[in-house]
Amino acid sequence: MKLLRKLPNSVREVPGLEWAILKKLPLTLLLGTIFPLVISLVNRWIPPEGTAVQIAKHINFVDIISIATVITVWTAVFTVAIGCFVVVVMKGPGYVADAYELVDAERPKL
């Protein structure tokens, strides 16, 4: 038995918005990772004025926000990529499913 037999006259749907989104995801991931990290590094190179404790608190706060932003961007990009992949798979050609013979298909058993 041959696996994954395509249905007759089954064609792939026209590519849509999912491919445009998939092509933009690597750049989004790169910029969403680099931008918060650059902000964190600039904050360390040019610290705000104040006491040492205030500066340390501010640097820690900016670091936490940067890490949270990077994790959020990664999660969002991964979620959108899964959604686009599902749409691409669903737009593909149809395949023959396993046959399931119904004995009482014409008339139900009483």
PDB file of N, CA and C in Angstrom:
ATOM      1  N   MET A   1       0.842  -1.175   0.000  1.00  0.00           N
ATOM      2  CA  MET A   1       0.000   0.000   0.000  1.00  0.00           C
ATOM      3  C   MET A   1       0.893   1.247   0.000  1.00  0.00           C
ATOM      4  N   LYS A   2       0.608   2.115  -0.879  1.00  0.00           N
ATOM      5  CA  LYS A   2       1.383   3.351  -0.993  1.00  0.00           C
ATOM      6  C   LYS A   2       0.851   4.390  -0.005  1.00  0.00           C
ATOM      7  N   LEU A   3       1.761   4.943   0.780  1.00  0.00           N
ATOM      8  CA  LEU A   3       1.368   5.969   1.737  1.00  0.00           C
ATOM      9  C   LEU A   3       1.214   7.322   1.056  1.00  0.00           C
ATOM     10  N   LEU A   4       0.393   8.147   1.630  1.00  0.00           N
ATOM     11  CA  LEU A   4       0.191   9.525   1.168  1.00  0.00           C
ATOM     12  C   LEU A   4      -0.173   9.605  -0.312  1.00  0.00           C
ATOM     13  N   ARG A   5      -1.239   8.932  -0.667  1.00  0.00           N
ATOM     14  CA  ARG A   5      -1.739   9.031  -2.039  1.00  0.00           C
ATOM     15  C   ARG A   5      -2.605  10.281  -2.166  1.00  0.00           C
ATOM     16  N   LYS A   6      -2.309  11.085  -3.155  1.00  0.00           N
ATOM     17  CA  LYS A   6      -3.077  12.310  -3.365  1.00  0.00           C
ATOM     18  C   LYS A   6      -4.435  11.987  -3.960  1.00  0.00           C
ATOM     19  N   LEU A   7      -5.406  12.792  -3.612  1.00  0.00           N
ATOM     20  CA  LEU A   7      -6.730  12.649  -4.194  1.00  0.00           C
ATOM     21  C   LEU A   7      -6.671  13.058  -5.660  1.00  0.00           C
ATOM     22  N   PRO A   8      -7.459  12.410  -6.492  1.00  0.00           N
ATOM     23  CA  PRO A   8      -7.482  12.835  -7.896  1.00  0.00           C
ATOM     24  C   PRO A   8      -8.021  14.269  -8.008  1.00  0.00           C
ATOM     25  N   ASN A   9      -7.487  15.000  -8.920  1.00  0.00           N
ATOM     26  CA  ASN A   9      -7.868  16.400  -9.176  1.00  0.00           C
ATOM     27  C   ASN A   9      -7.659  17.287  -7.949  1.00  0.00           C
ATOM     28  N   SER A  10      -6.737  16.922  -7.099  1.00  0.00           N
ATOM     29  CA  SER A  10      -6.433  17.728  -5.925  1.00  0.00           C
ATOM     30  C   SER A  10      -5.205  18.574  -6.215  1.00  0.00           C
ATOM     31  N   VAL A  11      -5.354  19.875  -6.063  1.00  0.00           N
ATOM     32  CA  VAL A  11      -4.250  20.789  -6.344  1.00  0.00           C
ATOM     33  C   VAL A  11      -3.945  21.615  -5.100  1.00  0.00           C
ATOM     34  N   ARG A  12      -2.757  22.149  -5.078  1.00  0.00           N
ATOM     35  CA  ARG A  12      -2.340  23.032  -3.985  1.00  0.00           C
ATOM     36  C   ARG A  12      -2.993  24.397  -4.201  1.00  0.00           C
ATOM     37  N   GLU A  13      -3.449  24.987  -3.099  1.00  0.00           N
ATOM     38  CA  GLU A  13      -4.050  26.313  -3.162  1.00  0.00           C
ATOM     39  C   GLU A  13      -2.980  27.369  -3.467  1.00  0.00           C
ATOM     40  N   VAL A  14      -3.413  28.508  -3.906  1.00  0.00           N
ATOM     41  CA  VAL A  14      -2.512  29.605  -4.229  1.00  0.00           C
ATOM     42  C   VAL A  14      -1.873  30.120  -2.931  1.00  0.00           C
ATOM     43  N   PRO A  15      -0.542  30.325  -2.924  1.00  0.00           N
ATOM     44  CA  PRO A  15       0.099  30.857  -1.710  1.00  0.00           C
ATOM     45  C   PRO A  15      -0.478  32.224  -1.361  1.00  0.00           C
ATOM     46  N   GLY A  16      -0.627  32.452  -0.090  1.00  0.00           N
ATOM     47  CA  GLY A  16      -1.236  33.701   0.351  1.00  0.00           C
ATOM     48  C   GLY A  16      -0.345  34.466   1.308  1.00  0.00           C
ATOM     49  N   LEU A  17      -0.972  35.081   2.267  1.00  0.00           N
ATOM     50  CA  LEU A  17      -0.298  35.940   3.223  1.00  0.00           C
ATOM     51  C   LEU A  17       0.667  35.170   4.113  1.00  0.00           C
ATOM     52  N   GLU A  18       0.427  33.872   4.290  1.00  0.00           N
ATOM     53  CA  GLU A  18       1.283  33.093   5.192  1.00  0.00           C
ATOM     54  C   GLU A  18       2.739  33.070   4.734  1.00  0.00           C
ATOM     55  N   TRP A  19       2.972  33.034   3.433  1.00  0.00           N
ATOM     56  CA  TRP A  19       4.350  33.019   2.933  1.00  0.00           C
ATOM     57  C   TRP A  19       5.014  34.375   3.120  1.00  0.00           C
ATOM     58  N   ALA A  20       4.263  35.442   2.935  1.00  0.00           N
ATOM     59  CA  ALA A  20       4.827  36.779   3.167  1.00  0.00           C
ATOM     60  C   ALA A  20       5.204  36.949   4.636  1.00  0.00           C
ATOM     61  N   ILE A  21       4.367  36.436   5.522  1.00  0.00           N
ATOM     62  CA  ILE A  21       4.670  36.523   6.951  1.00  0.00           C
ATOM     63  C   ILE A  21       5.874  35.664   7.296  1.00  0.00           C
ATOM     64  N   LEU A  22       5.929  34.440   6.768  1.00  0.00           N
ATOM     65  CA  LEU A  22       7.055  33.547   7.050  1.00  0.00           C
ATOM     66  C   LEU A  22       8.393  34.138   6.599  1.00  0.00           C
ATOM     67  N   LYS A  23       8.380  34.867   5.488  1.00  0.00           N
ATOM     68  CA  LYS A  23       9.617  35.474   4.996  1.00  0.00           C
ATOM     69  C   LYS A  23      10.083  36.629   5.882  1.00  0.00           C
ATOM     70  N   LYS A  24       9.154  37.278   6.586  1.00  0.00           N
ATOM     71  CA  LYS A  24       9.516  38.407   7.438  1.00  0.00           C
ATOM     72  C   LYS A  24       9.894  37.984   8.863  1.00  0.00           C
ATOM     73  N   LEU A  25       9.613  36.754   9.235  1.00  0.00           N
ATOM     74  CA  LEU A  25       9.861  36.314  10.611  1.00  0.00           C
ATOM     75  C   LEU A  25      11.337  36.314  11.012  1.00  0.00           C
ATOM     76  N   PRO A  26      12.277  35.887  10.162  1.00  0.00           N
ATOM     77  CA  PRO A  26      13.679  35.938  10.603  1.00  0.00           C
ATOM     78  C   PRO A  26      14.164  37.351  10.923  1.00  0.00           C
ATOM     79  N   LEU A  27      13.800  38.319  10.106  1.00  0.00           N
ATOM     80  CA  LEU A  27      14.187  39.707  10.378  1.00  0.00           C
ATOM     81  C   LEU A  27      13.526  40.212  11.655  1.00  0.00           C
ATOM     82  N   THR A  28      12.266  39.855  11.846  1.00  0.00           N
ATOM     83  CA  THR A  28      11.565  40.242  13.067  1.00  0.00           C
ATOM     84  C   THR A  28      12.242  39.647  14.293  1.00  0.00           C
ATOM     85  N   LEU A  29      12.636  38.391  14.193  1.00  0.00           N
ATOM     86  CA  LEU A  29      13.321  37.738  15.307  1.00  0.00           C
ATOM     87  C   LEU A  29      14.672  38.399  15.585  1.00  0.00           C
ATOM     88  N   LEU A  30      15.394  38.706  14.533  1.00  0.00           N
ATOM     89  CA  LEU A  30      16.706  39.340  14.692  1.00  0.00           C
ATOM     90  C   LEU A  30      16.585  40.728  15.324  1.00  0.00           C
ATOM     91  N   LEU A  31      15.711  41.556  14.777  1.00  0.00           N
ATOM     92  CA  LEU A  31      15.552  42.911  15.314  1.00  0.00           C
ATOM     93  C   LEU A  31      14.946  42.893  16.711  1.00  0.00           C
ATOM     94  N   GLY A  32      14.013  41.980  16.949  1.00  0.00           N
ATOM     95  CA  GLY A  32      13.392  41.883  18.263  1.00  0.00           C
ATOM     96  C   GLY A  32      14.339  41.363  19.323  1.00  0.00           C
ATOM     97  N   THR A  33      15.439  40.754  18.898  1.00  0.00           N
ATOM     98  CA  THR A  33      16.450  40.294  19.837  1.00  0.00           C
ATOM     99  C   THR A  33      17.538  41.350  20.036  1.00  0.00           C
ATOM    100  N   ILE A  34      17.983  41.932  18.952  1.00  0.00           N
ATOM    101  CA  ILE A  34      19.101  42.877  19.024  1.00  0.00           C
ATOM    102  C   ILE A  34      18.699  44.205  19.674  1.00  0.00           C
ATOM    103  N   PHE A  35      17.549  44.728  19.322  1.00  0.00           N
ATOM    104  CA  PHE A  35      17.147  46.052  19.819  1.00  0.00           C
ATOM    105  C   PHE A  35      17.094  46.122  21.346  1.00  0.00           C
ATOM    106  N   PRO A  36      16.416  45.202  22.045  1.00  0.00           N
ATOM    107  CA  PRO A  36      16.434  45.282  23.517  1.00  0.00           C
ATOM    108  C   PRO A  36      17.822  45.078  24.114  1.00  0.00           C
ATOM    109  N   LEU A  37      18.635  44.226  23.490  1.00  0.00           N
ATOM    110  CA  LEU A  37      19.978  44.012  24.014  1.00  0.00           C
ATOM    111  C   LEU A  37      20.851  45.242  23.833  1.00  0.00           C
ATOM    112  N   VAL A  38      20.684  45.955  22.733  1.00  0.00           N
ATOM    113  CA  VAL A  38      21.431  47.202  22.523  1.00  0.00           C
ATOM    114  C   VAL A  38      21.011  48.243  23.557  1.00  0.00           C
ATOM    115  N   ILE A  39      19.731  48.318  23.847  1.00  0.00           N
ATOM    116  CA  ILE A  39      19.265  49.264  24.862  1.00  0.00           C
ATOM    117  C   ILE A  39      19.887  48.942  26.219  1.00  0.00           C
ATOM    118  N   SER A  40      19.959  47.649  26.533  1.00  0.00           N
ATOM    119  CA  SER A  40      20.559  47.242  27.804  1.00  0.00           C
ATOM    120  C   SER A  40      22.049  47.593  27.854  1.00  0.00           C
ATOM    121  N   LEU A  41      22.757  47.364  26.757  1.00  0.00           N
ATOM    122  CA  LEU A  41      24.188  47.684  26.727  1.00  0.00           C
ATOM    123  C   LEU A  41      24.433  49.193  26.793  1.00  0.00           C
ATOM    124  N   VAL A  42      23.637  49.967  26.088  1.00  0.00           N
ATOM    125  CA  VAL A  42      23.786  51.431  26.130  1.00  0.00           C
ATOM    126  C   VAL A  42      23.504  51.934  27.540  1.00  0.00           C
ATOM    127  N   ASN A  43      22.544  51.318  28.205  1.00  0.00           N
ATOM    128  CA  ASN A  43      22.236  51.705  29.582  1.00  0.00           C
ATOM    129  C   ASN A  43      23.425  51.443  30.509  1.00  0.00           C
ATOM    130  N   ARG A  44      24.194  50.410  30.215  1.00  0.00           N
ATOM    131  CA  ARG A  44      25.375  50.129  31.036  1.00  0.00           C
ATOM    132  C   ARG A  44      26.526  51.083  30.705  1.00  0.00           C
ATOM    133  N   TRP A  45      26.668  51.450  29.419  1.00  0.00           N
ATOM    134  CA  TRP A  45      27.765  52.345  29.029  1.00  0.00           C
ATOM    135  C   TRP A  45      27.500  53.774  29.464  1.00  0.00           C
ATOM    136  N   ILE A  46      26.253  54.197  29.395  1.00  0.00           N
ATOM    137  CA  ILE A  46      25.882  55.564  29.775  1.00  0.00           C
ATOM    138  C   ILE A  46      24.843  55.465  30.892  1.00  0.00           C
ATOM    139  N   PRO A  47      25.289  55.214  32.108  1.00  0.00           N
ATOM    140  CA  PRO A  47      24.335  55.039  33.212  1.00  0.00           C
ATOM    141  C   PRO A  47      23.697  56.371  33.600  1.00  0.00           C
ATOM    142  N   PRO A  48      22.523  56.323  34.221  1.00  0.00           N
ATOM    143  CA  PRO A  48      21.891  57.570  34.681  1.00  0.00           C
ATOM    144  C   PRO A  48      22.634  58.131  35.887  1.00  0.00           C
ATOM    145  N   GLU A  49      22.327  59.362  36.207  1.00  0.00           N
ATOM    146  CA  GLU A  49      22.967  59.984  37.376  1.00  0.00           C
ATOM    147  C   GLU A  49      22.233  59.569  38.637  1.00  0.00           C
ATOM    148  N   GLY A  50      22.961  59.521  39.729  1.00  0.00           N
ATOM    149  CA  GLY A  50      22.367  59.169  41.015  1.00  0.00           C
ATOM    150  C   GLY A  50      23.377  58.408  41.851  1.00  0.00           C
ATOM    151  N   THR A  51      22.906  57.910  42.948  1.00  0.00           N
ATOM    152  CA  THR A  51      23.788  57.135  43.815  1.00  0.00           C
ATOM    153  C   THR A  51      24.055  55.772  43.191  1.00  0.00           C
ATOM    154  N   ALA A  52      25.022  55.068  43.766  1.00  0.00           N
ATOM    155  CA  ALA A  52      25.384  53.754  43.225  1.00  0.00           C
ATOM    156  C   ALA A  52      24.220  52.770  43.327  1.00  0.00           C
ATOM    157  N   VAL A  53      23.455  52.871  44.391  1.00  0.00           N
ATOM    158  CA  VAL A  53      22.302  51.967  44.561  1.00  0.00           C
ATOM    159  C   VAL A  53      21.228  52.273  43.526  1.00  0.00           C
ATOM    160  N   GLN A  54      20.961  53.543  43.288  1.00  0.00           N
ATOM    161  CA  GLN A  54      19.965  53.926  42.290  1.00  0.00           C
ATOM    162  C   GLN A  54      20.392  53.487  40.885  1.00  0.00           C
ATOM    163  N   ILE A  55      21.665  53.655  40.585  1.00  0.00           N
ATOM    164  CA  ILE A  55      22.176  53.245  39.269  1.00  0.00           C
ATOM    165  C   ILE A  55      22.050  51.728  39.114  1.00  0.00           C
ATOM    166  N   ALA A  56      22.402  50.976  40.145  1.00  0.00           N
ATOM    167  CA  ALA A  56      22.300  49.515  40.084  1.00  0.00           C
ATOM    168  C   ALA A  56      20.859  49.069  39.910  1.00  0.00           C
ATOM    169  N   LYS A  57      19.936  49.730  40.627  1.00  0.00           N
ATOM    170  CA  LYS A  57      18.515  49.398  40.487  1.00  0.00           C
ATOM    171  C   LYS A  57      18.030  49.686  39.068  1.00  0.00           C
ATOM    172  N   HIS A  58      18.433  50.823  38.539  1.00  0.00           N
ATOM    173  CA  HIS A  58      18.011  51.203  37.184  1.00  0.00           C
ATOM    174  C   HIS A  58      18.567  50.217  36.145  1.00  0.00           C
ATOM    175  N   ILE A  59      19.837  49.860  36.271  1.00  0.00           N
ATOM    176  CA  ILE A  59      20.447  48.913  35.324  1.00  0.00           C
ATOM    177  C   ILE A  59      19.749  47.557  35.414  1.00  0.00           C
ATOM    178  N   ASN A  60      19.474  47.084  36.624  1.00  0.00           N
ATOM    179  CA  ASN A  60      18.763  45.811  36.794  1.00  0.00           C
ATOM    180  C   ASN A  60      17.361  45.866  36.197  1.00  0.00           C
ATOM    181  N   PHE A  61      16.664  46.987  36.398  1.00  0.00           N
ATOM    182  CA  PHE A  61      15.318  47.143  35.851  1.00  0.00           C
ATOM    183  C   PHE A  61      15.346  47.091  34.326  1.00  0.00           C
ATOM    184  N   VAL A  62      16.272  47.813  33.711  1.00  0.00           N
ATOM    185  CA  VAL A  62      16.367  47.818  32.249  1.00  0.00           C
ATOM    186  C   VAL A  62      16.752  46.428  31.727  1.00  0.00           C
ATOM    187  N   ASP A  63      17.641  45.731  32.432  1.00  0.00           N
ATOM    188  CA  ASP A  63      18.009  44.373  32.034  1.00  0.00           C
ATOM    189  C   ASP A  63      16.807  43.429  32.083  1.00  0.00           C
ATOM    190  N   ILE A  64      16.023  43.527  33.134  1.00  0.00           N
ATOM    191  CA  ILE A  64      14.843  42.666  33.264  1.00  0.00           C
ATOM    192  C   ILE A  64      13.832  42.962  32.154  1.00  0.00           C
ATOM    193  N   ILE A  65      13.616  44.222  31.867  1.00  0.00           N
ATOM    194  CA  ILE A  65      12.690  44.601  30.790  1.00  0.00           C
ATOM    195  C   ILE A  65      13.210  44.105  29.444  1.00  0.00           C
ATOM    196  N   SER A  66      14.509  44.212  29.224  1.00  0.00           N
ATOM    197  CA  SER A  66      15.097  43.756  27.962  1.00  0.00           C
ATOM    198  C   SER A  66      14.944  42.247  27.793  1.00  0.00           C
ATOM    199  N   ILE A  67      15.236  41.501  28.844  1.00  0.00           N
ATOM    200  CA  ILE A  67      15.098  40.041  28.769  1.00  0.00           C
ATOM    201  C   ILE A  67      13.639  39.653  28.550  1.00  0.00           C
ATOM    202  N   ALA A  68      12.729  40.307  29.250  1.00  0.00           N
ATOM    203  CA  ALA A  68      11.305  40.015  29.078  1.00  0.00           C
ATOM    204  C   ALA A  68      10.846  40.329  27.655  1.00  0.00           C
ATOM    205  N   THR A  69      11.350  41.416  27.093  1.00  0.00           N
ATOM    206  CA  THR A  69      10.987  41.779  25.718  1.00  0.00           C
ATOM    207  C   THR A  69      11.505  40.748  24.724  1.00  0.00           C
ATOM    208  N   VAL A  70      12.740  40.295  24.901  1.00  0.00           N
ATOM    209  CA  VAL A  70      13.309  39.293  23.998  1.00  0.00           C
ATOM    210  C   VAL A  70      12.517  37.991  24.080  1.00  0.00           C
ATOM    211  N   ILE A  71      12.188  37.559  25.282  1.00  0.00           N
ATOM    212  CA  ILE A  71      11.423  36.321  25.438  1.00  0.00           C
ATOM    213  C   ILE A  71      10.032  36.461  24.820  1.00  0.00           C
ATOM    214  N   THR A  72       9.419  37.616  24.988  1.00  0.00           N
ATOM    215  CA  THR A  72       8.098  37.850  24.394  1.00  0.00           C
ATOM    216  C   THR A  72       8.157  37.838  22.873  1.00  0.00           C
ATOM    217  N   VAL A  73       9.178  38.460  22.307  1.00  0.00           N
ATOM    218  CA  VAL A  73       9.330  38.480  20.847  1.00  0.00           C
ATOM    219  C   VAL A  73       9.558  37.065  20.329  1.00  0.00           C
ATOM    220  N   TRP A  74      10.426  36.296  20.982  1.00  0.00           N
ATOM    221  CA  TRP A  74      10.679  34.925  20.545  1.00  0.00           C
ATOM    222  C   TRP A  74       9.401  34.088  20.597  1.00  0.00           C
ATOM    223  N   THR A  75       8.646  34.241  21.669  1.00  0.00           N
ATOM    224  CA  THR A  75       7.399  33.490  21.808  1.00  0.00           C
ATOM    225  C   THR A  75       6.406  33.878  20.722  1.00  0.00           C
ATOM    226  N   ALA A  76       6.285  35.161  20.458  1.00  0.00           N
ATOM    227  CA  ALA A  76       5.356  35.623  19.430  1.00  0.00           C
ATOM    228  C   ALA A  76       5.770  35.131  18.049  1.00  0.00           C
ATOM    229  N   VAL A  77       7.055  35.216  17.731  1.00  0.00           N
ATOM    230  CA  VAL A  77       7.530  34.767  16.420  1.00  0.00           C
ATOM    231  C   VAL A  77       7.312  33.259  16.263  1.00  0.00           C
ATOM    232  N   PHE A  78       7.603  32.493  17.310  1.00  0.00           N
ATOM    233  CA  PHE A  78       7.405  31.050  17.265  1.00  0.00           C
ATOM    234  C   PHE A  78       5.928  30.709  17.079  1.00  0.00           C
ATOM    235  N   THR A  79       5.041  31.414  17.772  1.00  0.00           N
ATOM    236  CA  THR A  79       3.608  31.164  17.659  1.00  0.00           C
ATOM    237  C   THR A  79       3.102  31.499  16.258  1.00  0.00           C
ATOM    238  N   VAL A  80       3.521  32.617  15.717  1.00  0.00           N
ATOM    239  CA  VAL A  80       3.102  33.004  14.368  1.00  0.00           C
ATOM    240  C   VAL A  80       3.650  32.021  13.339  1.00  0.00           C
ATOM    241  N   ALA A  81       4.885  31.549  13.540  1.00  0.00           N
ATOM    242  CA  ALA A  81       5.470  30.573  12.614  1.00  0.00           C
ATOM    243  C   ALA A  81       4.678  29.267  12.630  1.00  0.00           C
ATOM    244  N   ILE A  82       4.254  28.818  13.799  1.00  0.00           N
ATOM    245  CA  ILE A  82       3.436  27.604  13.868  1.00  0.00           C
ATOM    246  C   ILE A  82       2.121  27.814  13.128  1.00  0.00           C
ATOM    247  N   GLY A  83       1.494  28.962  13.329  1.00  0.00           N
ATOM    248  CA  GLY A  83       0.243  29.255  12.625  1.00  0.00           C
ATOM    249  C   GLY A  83       0.418  29.278  11.121  1.00  0.00           C
ATOM    250  N   CYS A  84       1.489  29.896  10.641  1.00  0.00           N
ATOM    251  CA  CYS A  84       1.745  29.944   9.206  1.00  0.00           C
ATOM    252  C   CYS A  84       2.028  28.547   8.657  1.00  0.00           C
ATOM    253  N   PHE A  85       2.763  27.742   9.419  1.00  0.00           N
ATOM    254  CA  PHE A  85       3.052  26.375   8.984  1.00  0.00           C
ATOM    255  C   PHE A  85       1.759  25.563   8.868  1.00  0.00           C
ATOM    256  N   VAL A  86       0.861  25.725   9.809  1.00  0.00           N
ATOM    257  CA  VAL A  86      -0.415  25.010   9.754  1.00  0.00           C
ATOM    258  C   VAL A  86      -1.203  25.432   8.513  1.00  0.00           C
ATOM    259  N   VAL A  87      -1.222  26.712   8.209  1.00  0.00           N
ATOM    260  CA  VAL A  87      -1.941  27.190   7.029  1.00  0.00           C
ATOM    261  C   VAL A  87      -1.305  26.631   5.756  1.00  0.00           C
ATOM    262  N   VAL A  88       0.022  26.602   5.691  1.00  0.00           N
ATOM    263  CA  VAL A  88       0.707  26.049   4.518  1.00  0.00           C
ATOM    264  C   VAL A  88       0.351  24.573   4.336  1.00  0.00           C
ATOM    265  N   VAL A  89       0.361  23.819   5.433  1.00  0.00           N
ATOM    266  CA  VAL A  89       0.027  22.399   5.344  1.00  0.00           C
ATOM    267  C   VAL A  89      -1.426  22.210   4.929  1.00  0.00           C
ATOM    268  N   MET A  90      -2.321  23.011   5.486  1.00  0.00           N
ATOM    269  CA  MET A  90      -3.745  22.867   5.167  1.00  0.00           C
ATOM    270  C   MET A  90      -4.064  23.283   3.735  1.00  0.00           C
ATOM    271  N   LYS A  91      -3.259  24.165   3.160  1.00  0.00           N
ATOM    272  CA  LYS A  91      -3.485  24.570   1.773  1.00  0.00           C
ATOM    273  C   LYS A  91      -2.894  23.590   0.772  1.00  0.00           C
ATOM    274  N   GLY A  92      -2.192  22.593   1.252  1.00  0.00           N
ATOM    275  CA  GLY A  92      -1.569  21.617   0.373  1.00  0.00           C
ATOM    276  C   GLY A  92      -2.600  20.728  -0.293  1.00  0.00           C
ATOM    277  N   PRO A  93      -2.137  19.800  -1.114  1.00  0.00           N
ATOM    278  CA  PRO A  93      -3.067  18.909  -1.802  1.00  0.00           C
ATOM    279  C   PRO A  93      -3.757  17.965  -0.818  1.00  0.00           C
ATOM    280  N   GLY A  94      -4.942  17.508  -1.202  1.00  0.00           N
ATOM    281  CA  GLY A  94      -5.673  16.562  -0.363  1.00  0.00           C
ATOM    282  C   GLY A  94      -5.129  15.152  -0.551  1.00  0.00           C
ATOM    283  N   TYR A  95      -5.208  14.362   0.489  1.00  0.00           N
ATOM    284  CA  TYR A  95      -4.721  12.990   0.449  1.00  0.00           C
ATOM    285  C   TYR A  95      -5.849  12.028   0.782  1.00  0.00           C
ATOM    286  N   VAL A  96      -5.711  10.800   0.299  1.00  0.00           N
ATOM    287  CA  VAL A  96      -6.700   9.768   0.546  1.00  0.00           C
ATOM    288  C   VAL A  96      -6.592   9.343   2.003  1.00  0.00           C
ATOM    289  N   ALA A  97      -7.718   9.299   2.678  1.00  0.00           N
ATOM    290  CA  ALA A  97      -7.726   8.867   4.073  1.00  0.00           C
ATOM    291  C   ALA A  97      -7.877   7.349   4.131  1.00  0.00           C
ATOM    292  N   ASP A  98      -7.664   6.786   5.298  1.00  0.00           N
ATOM    293  CA  ASP A  98      -7.859   5.349   5.468  1.00  0.00           C
ATOM    294  C   ASP A  98      -9.314   5.008   5.230  1.00  0.00           C
ATOM    295  N   ALA A  99      -9.517   3.915   4.528  1.00  0.00           N
ATOM    296  CA  ALA A  99     -10.887   3.475   4.264  1.00  0.00           C
ATOM    297  C   ALA A  99     -11.463   2.871   5.538  1.00  0.00           C
ATOM    298  N   TYR A 100     -12.714   3.182   5.797  1.00  0.00           N
ATOM    299  CA  TYR A 100     -13.404   2.620   6.952  1.00  0.00           C
ATOM    300  C   TYR A 100     -14.741   2.123   6.452  1.00  0.00           C
ATOM    301  N   GLU A 101     -14.804   0.838   6.246  1.00  0.00           N
ATOM    302  CA  GLU A 101     -16.020   0.234   5.700  1.00  0.00           C
ATOM    303  C   GLU A 101     -17.107   0.211   6.764  1.00  0.00           C
ATOM    304  N   LEU A 102     -18.265   0.752   6.430  1.00  0.00           N
ATOM    305  CA  LEU A 102     -19.415   0.711   7.311  1.00  0.00           C
ATOM    306  C   LEU A 102     -20.318  -0.424   6.850  1.00  0.00           C
ATOM    307  N   VAL A 103     -20.503  -1.377   7.706  1.00  0.00           N
ATOM    308  CA  VAL A 103     -21.311  -2.540   7.332  1.00  0.00           C
ATOM    309  C   VAL A 103     -22.757  -2.142   7.149  1.00  0.00           C
ATOM    310  N   ASP A 104     -23.267  -1.302   7.993  1.00  0.00           N
ATOM    311  CA  ASP A 104     -24.679  -0.919   7.928  1.00  0.00           C
ATOM    312  C   ASP A 104     -24.843   0.502   7.389  1.00  0.00           C
ATOM    313  N   ALA A 105     -24.094   0.830   6.355  1.00  0.00           N
ATOM    314  CA  ALA A 105     -24.137   2.183   5.829  1.00  0.00           C
ATOM    315  C   ALA A 105     -25.461   2.488   5.147  1.00  0.00           C
ATOM    316  N   GLU A 106     -26.036   1.523   4.436  1.00  0.00           N
ATOM    317  CA  GLU A 106     -27.267   1.782   3.688  1.00  0.00           C
ATOM    318  C   GLU A 106     -28.483   1.802   4.616  1.00  0.00           C
ATOM    319  N   ARG A 107     -28.509   0.912   5.557  1.00  0.00           N
ATOM    320  CA  ARG A 107     -29.628   0.885   6.493  1.00  0.00           C
ATOM    321  C   ARG A 107     -29.075   0.554   7.872  1.00  0.00           C
ATOM    322  N   PRO A 108     -29.464   1.297   8.869  1.00  0.00           N
ATOM    323  CA  PRO A 108     -28.953   1.030  10.208  1.00  0.00           C
ATOM    324  C   PRO A 108     -29.494  -0.279  10.777  1.00  0.00           C
ATOM    325  N   LYS A 109     -28.687  -0.885  11.617  1.00  0.00           N
ATOM    326  CA  LYS A 109     -29.146  -2.094  12.298  1.00  0.00           C
ATOM    327  C   LYS A 109     -30.132  -1.701  13.378  1.00  0.00           C
ATOM    328  N   LEU A 110     -31.152  -2.536  13.543  1.00  0.00           N
ATOM    329  CA  LEU A 110     -32.134  -2.251  14.603  1.00  0.00           C
ATOM    330  C   LEU A 110     -31.948  -3.165  15.770  1.00  0.00           C
TER     331      LEU A 110
END
